[in-house]
PDB file of N, CA and C in Angstrom:
ATOM      1  N   MET A   1     -27.701  92.762 140.279  1.00  0.00           N
ATOM      2  CA  MET A   1     -27.311  92.103 139.053  1.00  0.00           C
ATOM      3  C   MET A   1     -26.809  90.706 139.398  1.00  0.00           C
ATOM      4  N   LYS A   2     -27.130  89.769 138.554  1.00  0.00           N
ATOM      5  CA  LYS A   2     -26.759  88.371 138.747  1.00  0.00           C
ATOM      6  C   LYS A   2     -25.248  88.189 138.615  1.00  0.00           C
ATOM      7  N   TYR A   3     -24.695  87.386 139.535  1.00  0.00           N
ATOM      8  CA  TYR A   3     -23.274  87.056 139.444  1.00  0.00           C
ATOM      9  C   TYR A   3     -23.061  86.126 138.260  1.00  0.00           C
ATOM     10  N   ARG A   4     -21.945  86.252 137.626  1.00  0.00           N
ATOM     11  CA  ARG A   4     -21.525  85.334 136.575  1.00  0.00           C
ATOM     12  C   ARG A   4     -20.015  85.353 136.487  1.00  0.00           C
ATOM     13  N   PRO A   5     -19.425  84.353 135.843  1.00  0.00           N
ATOM     14  CA  PRO A   5     -17.968  84.379 135.691  1.00  0.00           C
ATOM     15  C   PRO A   5     -17.529  85.692 135.028  1.00  0.00           C
ATOM     16  N   LYS A   6     -16.392  86.165 135.376  1.00  0.00           N
ATOM     17  CA  LYS A   6     -15.825  87.429 134.879  1.00  0.00           C
ATOM     18  C   LYS A   6     -16.611  88.646 135.366  1.00  0.00           C
ATOM     19  N   TYR A   7     -17.310  88.488 136.493  1.00  0.00           N
ATOM     20  CA  TYR A   7     -18.031  89.621 137.070  1.00  0.00           C
ATOM     21  C   TYR A   7     -17.020  90.689 137.468  1.00  0.00           C
ATOM     22  N   PRO A   8     -17.273  91.958 137.163  1.00  0.00           N
ATOM     23  CA  PRO A   8     -16.287  93.023 137.412  1.00  0.00           C
ATOM     24  C   PRO A   8     -16.263  93.513 138.864  1.00  0.00           C
ATOM     25  N   PHE A   9     -15.739  92.709 139.758  1.00  0.00           N
ATOM     26  CA  PHE A   9     -15.723  93.053 141.173  1.00  0.00           C
ATOM     27  C   PHE A   9     -14.953  94.349 141.469  1.00  0.00           C
ATOM     28  N   LYS A  10     -14.000  94.684 140.641  1.00  0.00           N
ATOM     29  CA  LYS A  10     -13.197  95.888 140.884  1.00  0.00           C
ATOM     30  C   LYS A  10     -13.791  97.128 140.219  1.00  0.00           C
ATOM     31  N   GLY A  11     -14.946  96.974 139.604  1.00  0.00           N
ATOM     32  CA  GLY A  11     -15.562  98.126 138.948  1.00  0.00           C
ATOM     33  C   GLY A  11     -15.039  98.342 137.542  1.00  0.00           C
ATOM     34  N   PHE A  12     -15.287  99.522 137.008  1.00  0.00           N
ATOM     35  CA  PHE A  12     -14.920  99.857 135.633  1.00  0.00           C
ATOM     36  C   PHE A  12     -14.047 101.100 135.614  1.00  0.00           C
ATOM     37  N   ASN A  13     -13.234 101.213 134.601  1.00  0.00           N
ATOM     38  CA  ASN A  13     -12.365 102.378 134.451  1.00  0.00           C
ATOM     39  C   ASN A  13     -13.056 103.544 133.761  1.00  0.00           C
ATOM     40  N   SER A  14     -14.162 103.262 133.079  1.00  0.00           N
ATOM     41  CA  SER A  14     -14.870 104.332 132.372  1.00  0.00           C
ATOM     42  C   SER A  14     -16.330 103.938 132.181  1.00  0.00           C
ATOM     43  N   LEU A  15     -17.140 104.930 131.858  1.00  0.00           N
ATOM     44  CA  LEU A  15     -18.543 104.685 131.563  1.00  0.00           C
ATOM     45  C   LEU A  15     -18.675 103.811 130.322  1.00  0.00           C
ATOM     46  N   GLU A  16     -17.845 104.038 129.345  1.00  0.00           N
ATOM     47  CA  GLU A  16     -17.866 103.241 128.111  1.00  0.00           C
ATOM     48  C   GLU A  16     -17.574 101.763 128.409  1.00  0.00           C
ATOM     49  N   GLU A  17     -16.593 101.515 129.257  1.00  0.00           N
ATOM     50  CA  GLU A  17     -16.259 100.139 129.647  1.00  0.00           C
ATOM     51  C   GLU A  17     -17.443  99.485 130.364  1.00  0.00           C
ATOM     52  N   ALA A  18     -18.109 100.225 131.230  1.00  0.00           N
ATOM     53  CA  ALA A  18     -19.277  99.699 131.945  1.00  0.00           C
ATOM     54  C   ALA A  18     -20.401  99.373 130.968  1.00  0.00           C
ATOM     55  N   ARG A  19     -20.659 100.279 130.044  1.00  0.00           N
ATOM     56  CA  ARG A  19     -21.724 100.048 129.054  1.00  0.00           C
ATOM     57  C   ARG A  19     -21.431  98.827 128.190  1.00  0.00           C
ATOM     58  N   LYS A  20     -20.200  98.668 127.806  1.00  0.00           N
ATOM     59  CA  LYS A  20     -19.805  97.514 126.987  1.00  0.00           C
ATOM     60  C   LYS A  20     -20.030  96.213 127.760  1.00  0.00           C
ATOM     61  N   TRP A  21     -19.597  96.202 129.043  1.00  0.00           N
ATOM     62  CA  TRP A  21     -19.775  94.995 129.848  1.00  0.00           C
ATOM     63  C   TRP A  21     -21.249  94.673 130.053  1.00  0.00           C
ATOM     64  N   VAL A  22     -22.048  95.682 130.369  1.00  0.00           N
ATOM     65  CA  VAL A  22     -23.481  95.455 130.595  1.00  0.00           C
ATOM     66  C   VAL A  22     -24.153  94.960 129.312  1.00  0.00           C
ATOM     67  N   GLY A  23     -23.774  95.502 128.169  1.00  0.00           N
ATOM     68  CA  GLY A  23     -24.332  95.030 126.901  1.00  0.00           C
ATOM     69  C   GLY A  23     -24.066  93.548 126.680  1.00  0.00           C
ATOM     70  N   LYS A  24     -22.840  93.120 126.957  1.00  0.00           N
ATOM     71  CA  LYS A  24     -22.501  91.700 126.827  1.00  0.00           C
ATOM     72  C   LYS A  24     -23.262  90.868 127.851  1.00  0.00           C
ATOM     73  N   PHE A  25     -23.382  91.385 129.075  1.00  0.00           N
ATOM     74  CA  PHE A  25     -24.114  90.666 130.115  1.00  0.00           C
ATOM     75  C   PHE A  25     -25.572  90.470 129.723  1.00  0.00           C
ATOM     76  N   VAL A  26     -26.215  91.515 129.235  1.00  0.00           N
ATOM     77  CA  VAL A  26     -27.632  91.429 128.856  1.00  0.00           C
ATOM     78  C   VAL A  26     -27.819  90.402 127.750  1.00  0.00           C
ATOM     79  N   LYS A  27     -26.936  90.389 126.751  1.00  0.00           N
ATOM     80  CA  LYS A  27     -27.026  89.396 125.676  1.00  0.00           C
ATOM     81  C   LYS A  27     -26.872  87.988 126.243  1.00  0.00           C
ATOM     82  N   TRP A  28     -25.867  87.786 127.094  1.00  0.00           N
ATOM     83  CA  TRP A  28     -25.660  86.469 127.706  1.00  0.00           C
ATOM     84  C   TRP A  28     -26.887  86.052 128.512  1.00  0.00           C
ATOM     85  N   TYR A  29     -27.384  86.966 129.358  1.00  0.00           N
ATOM     86  CA  TYR A  29     -28.513  86.657 130.251  1.00  0.00           C
ATOM     87  C   TYR A  29     -29.766  86.291 129.463  1.00  0.00           C
ATOM     88  N   ASN A  30     -30.038  86.996 128.395  1.00  0.00           N
ATOM     89  CA  ASN A  30     -31.271  86.777 127.628  1.00  0.00           C
ATOM     90  C   ASN A  30     -31.156  85.701 126.556  1.00  0.00           C
ATOM     91  N   CYS A  31     -29.970  85.500 126.003  1.00  0.00           N
ATOM     92  CA  CYS A  31     -29.850  84.612 124.838  1.00  0.00           C
ATOM     93  C   CYS A  31     -29.045  83.337 125.083  1.00  0.00           C
ATOM     94  N   ASP A  32     -28.202  83.308 126.103  1.00  0.00           N
ATOM     95  CA  ASP A  32     -27.336  82.146 126.319  1.00  0.00           C
ATOM     96  C   ASP A  32     -27.598  81.412 127.630  1.00  0.00           C
ATOM     97  N   HIS A  33     -27.884  82.159 128.681  1.00  0.00           N
ATOM     98  CA  HIS A  33     -28.033  81.574 130.016  1.00  0.00           C
ATOM     99  C   HIS A  33     -29.357  80.820 130.141  1.00  0.00           C
ATOM    100  N   LEU A  34     -29.278  79.552 130.538  1.00  0.00           N
ATOM    101  CA  LEU A  34     -30.478  78.727 130.727  1.00  0.00           C
ATOM    102  C   LEU A  34     -30.998  78.945 132.143  1.00  0.00           C
ATOM    103  N   HIS A  35     -32.241  79.375 132.258  1.00  0.00           N
ATOM    104  CA  HIS A  35     -32.835  79.759 133.539  1.00  0.00           C
ATOM    105  C   HIS A  35     -33.650  78.604 134.129  1.00  0.00           C
ATOM    106  N   SER A  36     -33.340  78.225 135.338  1.00  0.00           N
ATOM    107  CA  SER A  36     -34.058  77.115 135.973  1.00  0.00           C
ATOM    108  C   SER A  36     -35.531  77.453 136.197  1.00  0.00           C
ATOM    109  N   GLY A  37     -35.860  78.718 136.415  1.00  0.00           N
ATOM    110  CA  GLY A  37     -37.241  79.121 136.662  1.00  0.00           C
ATOM    111  C   GLY A  37     -38.152  78.960 135.450  1.00  0.00           C
ATOM    112  N   ILE A  38     -37.563  78.838 134.271  1.00  0.00           N
ATOM    113  CA  ILE A  38     -38.346  78.589 133.058  1.00  0.00           C
ATOM    114  C   ILE A  38     -37.856  77.305 132.380  1.00  0.00           C
ATOM    115  N   ASN A  39     -37.573  76.319 133.228  1.00  0.00           N
ATOM    116  CA  ASN A  39     -37.192  74.976 132.778  1.00  0.00           C
ATOM    117  C   ASN A  39     -36.022  74.962 131.797  1.00  0.00           C
ATOM    118  N   PHE A  40     -34.985  75.678 132.151  1.00  0.00           N
ATOM    119  CA  PHE A  40     -33.728  75.664 131.421  1.00  0.00           C
ATOM    120  C   PHE A  40     -33.873  76.106 129.970  1.00  0.00           C
ATOM    121  N   LEU A  41     -34.630  77.174 129.816  1.00  0.00           N
ATOM    122  CA  LEU A  41     -34.742  77.889 128.549  1.00  0.00           C
ATOM    123  C   LEU A  41     -34.095  79.248 128.742  1.00  0.00           C
ATOM    124  N   THR A  42     -33.871  79.953 127.648  1.00  0.00           N
ATOM    125  CA  THR A  42     -33.425  81.333 127.756  1.00  0.00           C
ATOM    126  C   THR A  42     -34.655  82.242 127.700  1.00  0.00           C
ATOM    127  N   PRO A  43     -34.565  83.445 128.264  1.00  0.00           N
ATOM    128  CA  PRO A  43     -35.685  84.378 128.130  1.00  0.00           C
ATOM    129  C   PRO A  43     -36.027  84.652 126.659  1.00  0.00           C
ATOM    130  N   TYR A  44     -35.021  84.681 125.799  1.00  0.00           N
ATOM    131  CA  TYR A  44     -35.256  84.881 124.368  1.00  0.00           C
ATOM    132  C   TYR A  44     -36.159  83.777 123.817  1.00  0.00           C
ATOM    133  N   GLN A  45     -35.838  82.533 124.138  1.00  0.00           N
ATOM    134  CA  GLN A  45     -36.645  81.408 123.652  1.00  0.00           C
ATOM    135  C   GLN A  45     -38.072  81.500 124.158  1.00  0.00           C
ATOM    136  N   ARG A  46     -38.222  81.865 125.406  1.00  0.00           N
ATOM    137  CA  ARG A  46     -39.561  81.971 125.994  1.00  0.00           C
ATOM    138  C   ARG A  46     -40.342  83.133 125.387  1.00  0.00           C
ATOM    139  N   HIS A  47     -39.702  84.277 125.266  1.00  0.00           N
ATOM    140  CA  HIS A  47     -40.372  85.473 124.777  1.00  0.00           C
ATOM    141  C   HIS A  47     -40.852  85.314 123.331  1.00  0.00           C
ATOM    142  N   TYR A  48     -40.048  84.670 122.510  1.00  0.00           N
ATOM    143  CA  TYR A  48     -40.382  84.550 121.094  1.00  0.00           C
ATOM    144  C   TYR A  48     -41.093  83.254 120.732  1.00  0.00           C
ATOM    145  N   GLY A  49     -41.586  82.520 121.728  1.00  0.00           N
ATOM    146  CA  GLY A  49     -42.409  81.345 121.469  1.00  0.00           C
ATOM    147  C   GLY A  49     -41.656  80.123 120.993  1.00  0.00           C
ATOM    148  N   LEU A  50     -40.357  80.103 121.154  1.00  0.00           N
ATOM    149  CA  LEU A  50     -39.561  78.940 120.755  1.00  0.00           C
ATOM    150  C   LEU A  50     -39.623  77.849 121.812  1.00  0.00           C
ATOM    151  N   ASP A  51     -40.122  78.193 122.984  1.00  0.00           N
ATOM    152  CA  ASP A  51     -40.133  77.289 124.134  1.00  0.00           C
ATOM    153  C   ASP A  51     -40.971  76.039 123.926  1.00  0.00           C
ATOM    154  N   LYS A  52     -42.108  76.168 123.278  1.00  0.00           N
ATOM    155  CA  LYS A  52     -43.016  75.024 123.142  1.00  0.00           C
ATOM    156  C   LYS A  52     -42.385  73.881 122.353  1.00  0.00           C
ATOM    157  N   ASP A  53     -41.759  74.188 121.232  1.00  0.00           N
ATOM    158  CA  ASP A  53     -41.093  73.145 120.441  1.00  0.00           C
ATOM    159  C   ASP A  53     -39.923  72.530 121.204  1.00  0.00           C
ATOM    160  N   ILE A  54     -39.152  73.364 121.882  1.00  0.00           N
ATOM    161  CA  ILE A  54     -38.005  72.862 122.642  1.00  0.00           C
ATOM    162  C   ILE A  54     -38.471  71.915 123.736  1.00  0.00           C
ATOM    163  N   ILE A  55     -39.504  72.304 124.472  1.00  0.00           N
ATOM    164  CA  ILE A  55     -40.017  71.472 125.565  1.00  0.00           C
ATOM    165  C   ILE A  55     -40.612  70.178 125.018  1.00  0.00           C
ATOM    166  N   GLU A  56     -41.360  70.250 123.916  1.00  0.00           N
ATOM    167  CA  GLU A  56     -41.921  69.025 123.321  1.00  0.00           C
ATOM    168  C   GLU A  56     -40.808  68.051 122.934  1.00  0.00           C
ATOM    169  N   LYS A  57     -39.730  68.562 122.359  1.00  0.00           N
ATOM    170  CA  LYS A  57     -38.599  67.704 121.979  1.00  0.00           C
ATOM    171  C   LYS A  57     -37.926  67.106 123.215  1.00  0.00           C
ATOM    172  N   ARG A  58     -37.804  67.903 124.279  1.00  0.00           N
ATOM    173  CA  ARG A  58     -37.220  67.374 125.518  1.00  0.00           C
ATOM    174  C   ARG A  58     -38.071  66.251 126.088  1.00  0.00           C
ATOM    175  N   ILE A  59     -39.375  66.457 126.106  1.00  0.00           N
ATOM    176  CA  ILE A  59     -40.276  65.425 126.639  1.00  0.00           C
ATOM    177  C   ILE A  59     -40.121  64.140 125.840  1.00  0.00           C
ATOM    178  N   GLU A  60     -40.110  64.245 124.536  1.00  0.00           N
ATOM    179  CA  GLU A  60     -39.936  63.053 123.686  1.00  0.00           C
ATOM    180  C   GLU A  60     -38.585  62.398 123.933  1.00  0.00           C
ATOM    181  N   THR A  61     -37.548  63.181 124.080  1.00  0.00           N
ATOM    182  CA  THR A  61     -36.212  62.639 124.347  1.00  0.00           C
ATOM    183  C   THR A  61     -36.189  61.882 125.672  1.00  0.00           C
ATOM    184  N   TYR A  62     -36.798  62.482 126.698  1.00  0.00           N
ATOM    185  CA  TYR A  62     -36.847  61.830 128.013  1.00  0.00           C
ATOM    186  C   TYR A  62     -37.672  60.538 127.948  1.00  0.00           C
ATOM    187  N   LYS A  63     -38.789  60.566 127.236  1.00  0.00           N
ATOM    188  CA  LYS A  63     -39.625  59.358 127.117  1.00  0.00           C
ATOM    189  C   LYS A  63     -38.861  58.242 126.427  1.00  0.00           C
ATOM    190  N   ARG A  64     -38.154  58.571 125.346  1.00  0.00           N
ATOM    191  CA  ARG A  64     -37.366  57.552 124.638  1.00  0.00           C
ATOM    192  C   ARG A  64     -36.257  57.006 125.536  1.00  0.00           C
ATOM    193  N   ALA A  65     -35.623  57.889 126.286  1.00  0.00           N
ATOM    194  CA  ALA A  65     -34.550  57.445 127.189  1.00  0.00           C
ATOM    195  C   ALA A  65     -35.100  56.502 128.253  1.00  0.00           C
ATOM    196  N   LYS A  66     -36.277  56.825 128.769  1.00  0.00           N
ATOM    197  CA  LYS A  66     -36.880  55.972 129.795  1.00  0.00           C
ATOM    198  C   LYS A  66     -37.285  54.618 129.213  1.00  0.00           C
ATOM    199  N   GLU A  67     -37.816  54.624 127.998  1.00  0.00           N
ATOM    200  CA  GLU A  67     -38.193  53.360 127.340  1.00  0.00           C
ATOM    201  C   GLU A  67     -36.958  52.496 127.064  1.00  0.00           C
ATOM    202  N   LYS A  68     -35.883  53.147 126.674  1.00  0.00           N
ATOM    203  CA  LYS A  68     -34.656  52.424 126.328  1.00  0.00           C
ATOM    204  C   LYS A  68     -33.939  51.872 127.561  1.00  0.00           C
ATOM    205  N   HIS A  69     -33.969  52.643 128.665  1.00  0.00           N
ATOM    206  CA  HIS A  69     -33.279  52.243 129.890  1.00  0.00           C
ATOM    207  C   HIS A  69     -34.170  52.473 131.107  1.00  0.00           C
ATOM    208  N   PRO A  70     -35.229  51.697 131.250  1.00  0.00           N
ATOM    209  CA  PRO A  70     -36.146  51.914 132.379  1.00  0.00           C
ATOM    210  C   PRO A  70     -35.474  51.710 133.738  1.00  0.00           C
ATOM    211  N   GLU A  71     -34.399  50.964 133.783  1.00  0.00           N
ATOM    212  CA  GLU A  71     -33.713  50.722 135.055  1.00  0.00           C
ATOM    213  C   GLU A  71     -33.078  51.997 135.621  1.00  0.00           C
ATOM    214  N   ARG A  72     -32.903  52.980 134.800  1.00  0.00           N
ATOM    215  CA  ARG A  72     -32.307  54.247 135.250  1.00  0.00           C
ATOM    216  C   ARG A  72     -33.339  55.204 135.857  1.00  0.00           C
ATOM    217  N   TRP A  73     -34.591  54.825 135.790  1.00  0.00           N
ATOM    218  CA  TRP A  73     -35.665  55.719 136.222  1.00  0.00           C
ATOM    219  C   TRP A  73     -36.408  55.102 137.391  1.00  0.00           C
ATOM    220  N   SER A  74     -36.499  55.827 138.481  1.00  0.00           N
ATOM    221  CA  SER A  74     -37.255  55.328 139.632  1.00  0.00           C
ATOM    222  C   SER A  74     -38.692  55.844 139.614  1.00  0.00           C
ATOM    223  N   LYS A  75     -38.917  56.929 138.887  1.00  0.00           N
ATOM    224  CA  LYS A  75     -40.250  57.538 138.800  1.00  0.00           C
ATOM    225  C   LYS A  75     -40.506  57.998 137.380  1.00  0.00           C
ATOM    226  N   ASN A  76     -41.421  58.947 137.237  1.00  0.00           N
ATOM    227  CA  ASN A  76     -41.739  59.509 135.928  1.00  0.00           C
ATOM    228  C   ASN A  76     -40.609  60.407 135.435  1.00  0.00           C
ATOM    229  N   ILE A  77     -40.720  60.824 134.173  1.00  0.00           N
ATOM    230  CA  ILE A  77     -39.743  61.766 133.645  1.00  0.00           C
ATOM    231  C   ILE A  77     -39.944  63.117 134.332  1.00  0.00           C
ATOM    232  N   ARG A  78     -38.980  63.962 134.183  1.00  0.00           N
ATOM    233  CA  ARG A  78     -39.023  65.310 134.772  1.00  0.00           C
ATOM    234  C   ARG A  78     -40.275  66.058 134.310  1.00  0.00           C
ATOM    235  N   ASN A  79     -40.813  66.880 135.188  1.00  0.00           N
ATOM    236  CA  ASN A  79     -41.960  67.717 134.842  1.00  0.00           C
ATOM    237  C   ASN A  79     -41.447  68.924 134.061  1.00  0.00           C
ATOM    238  N   TRP A  80     -41.765  68.962 132.779  1.00  0.00           N
ATOM    239  CA  TRP A  80     -41.314  70.053 131.916  1.00  0.00           C
ATOM    240  C   TRP A  80     -42.405  71.097 131.696  1.00  0.00           C
ATOM    241  N   THR A  81     -43.440  71.102 132.529  1.00  0.00           N
ATOM    242  CA  THR A  81     -44.511  72.079 132.396  1.00  0.00           C
ATOM    243  C   THR A  81     -43.944  73.485 132.584  1.00  0.00           C
ATOM    244  N   LEU A  82     -44.284  74.365 131.660  1.00  0.00           N
ATOM    245  CA  LEU A  82     -43.804  75.741 131.741  1.00  0.00           C
ATOM    246  C   LEU A  82     -44.693  76.558 132.661  1.00  0.00           C
ATOM    247  N   PRO A  83     -44.108  77.456 133.438  1.00  0.00           N
ATOM    248  CA  PRO A  83     -44.936  78.301 134.297  1.00  0.00           C
ATOM    249  C   PRO A  83     -45.801  79.229 133.447  1.00  0.00           C
ATOM    250  N   GLU A  84     -46.999  79.519 133.941  1.00  0.00           N
ATOM    251  CA  GLU A  84     -47.905  80.394 133.197  1.00  0.00           C
ATOM    252  C   GLU A  84     -47.374  81.819 133.159  1.00  0.00           C
ATOM    253  N   TYR A  85     -46.835  82.284 134.296  1.00  0.00           N
ATOM    254  CA  TYR A  85     -46.288  83.631 134.399  1.00  0.00           C
ATOM    255  C   TYR A  85     -44.814  83.551 134.748  1.00  0.00           C
ATOM    256  N   VAL A  86     -44.063  84.469 134.210  1.00  0.00           N
ATOM    257  CA  VAL A  86     -42.646  84.563 134.524  1.00  0.00           C
ATOM    258  C   VAL A  86     -42.377  86.003 134.932  1.00  0.00           C
ATOM    259  N   ALA A  87     -41.635  86.185 136.030  1.00  0.00           N
ATOM    260  CA  ALA A  87     -41.332  87.530 136.499  1.00  0.00           C
ATOM    261  C   ALA A  87     -39.958  87.575 137.133  1.00  0.00           C
ATOM    262  N   LEU A  88     -39.292  88.701 136.981  1.00  0.00           N
ATOM    263  CA  LEU A  88     -38.013  88.876 137.660  1.00  0.00           C
ATOM    264  C   LEU A  88     -38.211  88.893 139.164  1.00  0.00           C
ATOM    265  N   ASN A  89     -39.265  89.554 139.590  1.00  0.00           N
ATOM    266  CA  ASN A  89     -39.622  89.620 141.000  1.00  0.00           C
ATOM    267  C   ASN A  89     -40.989  88.972 141.148  1.00  0.00           C
ATOM    268  N   PRO A  90     -41.039  87.681 141.473  1.00  0.00           N
ATOM    269  CA  PRO A  90     -42.312  86.973 141.539  1.00  0.00           C
ATOM    270  C   PRO A  90     -43.315  87.671 142.456  1.00  0.00           C
ATOM    271  N   VAL A  91     -44.567  87.594 142.049  1.00  0.00           N
ATOM    272  CA  VAL A  91     -45.649  88.190 142.829  1.00  0.00           C
ATOM    273  C   VAL A  91     -46.622  87.096 143.246  1.00  0.00           C
ATOM    274  N   LYS A  92     -47.402  87.382 144.262  1.00  0.00           N
ATOM    275  CA  LYS A  92     -48.383  86.419 144.742  1.00  0.00           C
ATOM    276  C   LYS A  92     -49.558  86.351 143.776  1.00  0.00           C
ATOM    277  N   GLU A  93     -50.230  85.218 143.785  1.00  0.00           N
ATOM    278  CA  GLU A  93     -51.385  85.003 142.916  1.00  0.00           C
ATOM    279  C   GLU A  93     -52.449  86.092 143.106  1.00  0.00           C
ATOM    280  N   GLU A  94     -52.631  86.540 144.349  1.00  0.00           N
ATOM    281  CA  GLU A  94     -53.630  87.579 144.627  1.00  0.00           C
ATOM    282  C   GLU A  94     -53.278  88.888 143.915  1.00  0.00           C
ATOM    283  N   GLU A  95     -51.991  89.183 143.848  1.00  0.00           N
ATOM    284  CA  GLU A  95     -51.559  90.409 143.176  1.00  0.00           C
ATOM    285  C   GLU A  95     -51.810  90.328 141.679  1.00  0.00           C
ATOM    286  N   ILE A  96     -51.604  89.156 141.103  1.00  0.00           N
ATOM    287  CA  ILE A  96     -51.881  88.968 139.677  1.00  0.00           C
ATOM    288  C   ILE A  96     -53.362  89.160 139.412  1.00  0.00           C
ATOM    289  N   GLU A  97     -54.205  88.605 140.270  1.00  0.00           N
ATOM    290  CA  GLU A  97     -55.654  88.757 140.125  1.00  0.00           C
ATOM    291  C   GLU A  97     -56.060  90.227 140.157  1.00  0.00           C
ATOM    292  N   LYS A  98     -55.447  91.009 141.035  1.00  0.00           N
ATOM    293  CA  LYS A  98     -55.755  92.437 141.113  1.00  0.00           C
ATOM    294  C   LYS A  98     -55.425  93.141 139.806  1.00  0.00           C
ATOM    295  N   VAL A  99     -54.301  92.782 139.226  1.00  0.00           N
ATOM    296  CA  VAL A  99     -53.896  93.410 137.968  1.00  0.00           C
ATOM    297  C   VAL A  99     -54.851  93.012 136.844  1.00  0.00           C
ATOM    298  N   ILE A 100     -55.214  91.744 136.802  1.00  0.00           N
ATOM    299  CA  ILE A 100     -56.083  91.258 135.735  1.00  0.00           C
ATOM    300  C   ILE A 100     -57.514  91.758 135.899  1.00  0.00           C
ATOM    301  N   ASN A 101     -58.032  91.663 137.101  1.00  0.00           N
ATOM    302  CA  ASN A 101     -59.445  91.970 137.335  1.00  0.00           C
ATOM    303  C   ASN A 101     -59.705  93.350 137.921  1.00  0.00           C
ATOM    304  N   GLY A 102     -58.689  94.050 138.310  1.00  0.00           N
ATOM    305  CA  GLY A 102     -58.867  95.349 138.948  1.00  0.00           C
ATOM    306  C   GLY A 102     -59.144  95.176 140.431  1.00  0.00           C
ATOM    307  N   PRO A 103     -59.015  96.259 141.170  1.00  0.00           N
ATOM    308  CA  PRO A 103     -59.229  96.165 142.636  1.00  0.00           C
ATOM    309  C   PRO A 103     -60.692  95.899 142.961  1.00  0.00           C
ATOM    310  N   LYS A 104     -60.912  95.210 144.077  1.00  0.00           N
ATOM    311  CA  LYS A 104     -62.272  94.941 144.565  1.00  0.00           C
ATOM    312  C   LYS A 104     -62.591  95.923 145.672  1.00  0.00           C
ATOM    313  N   TYR A 105     -63.703  96.615 145.541  1.00  0.00           N
ATOM    314  CA  TYR A 105     -64.097  97.608 146.556  1.00  0.00           C
ATOM    315  C   TYR A 105     -65.232  97.109 147.390  1.00  0.00           C
TER     316      TYR A 105
END
């Protein structure tokens, strides 16, 4: 489980307390926490298709900022391209191909 502030290092006093904490953690992880692996979106935003509008707005914001203050930029704006696949445990491209196309005999 991912570390976060208020992580219960001393454990829980009851199963109910553990369930309550995990419920709050899951909500935070999916709806509030911005994940660097998906360009600082939440899994909720990505899963429900909200990501495209958010990324388009970010790109426009960065472009306007660069136009307004080009001296602050040494290169292009940040690459906001979203990954095609997202996984908790990343897999190799060959493994994805096997799943999509089936095994080769």
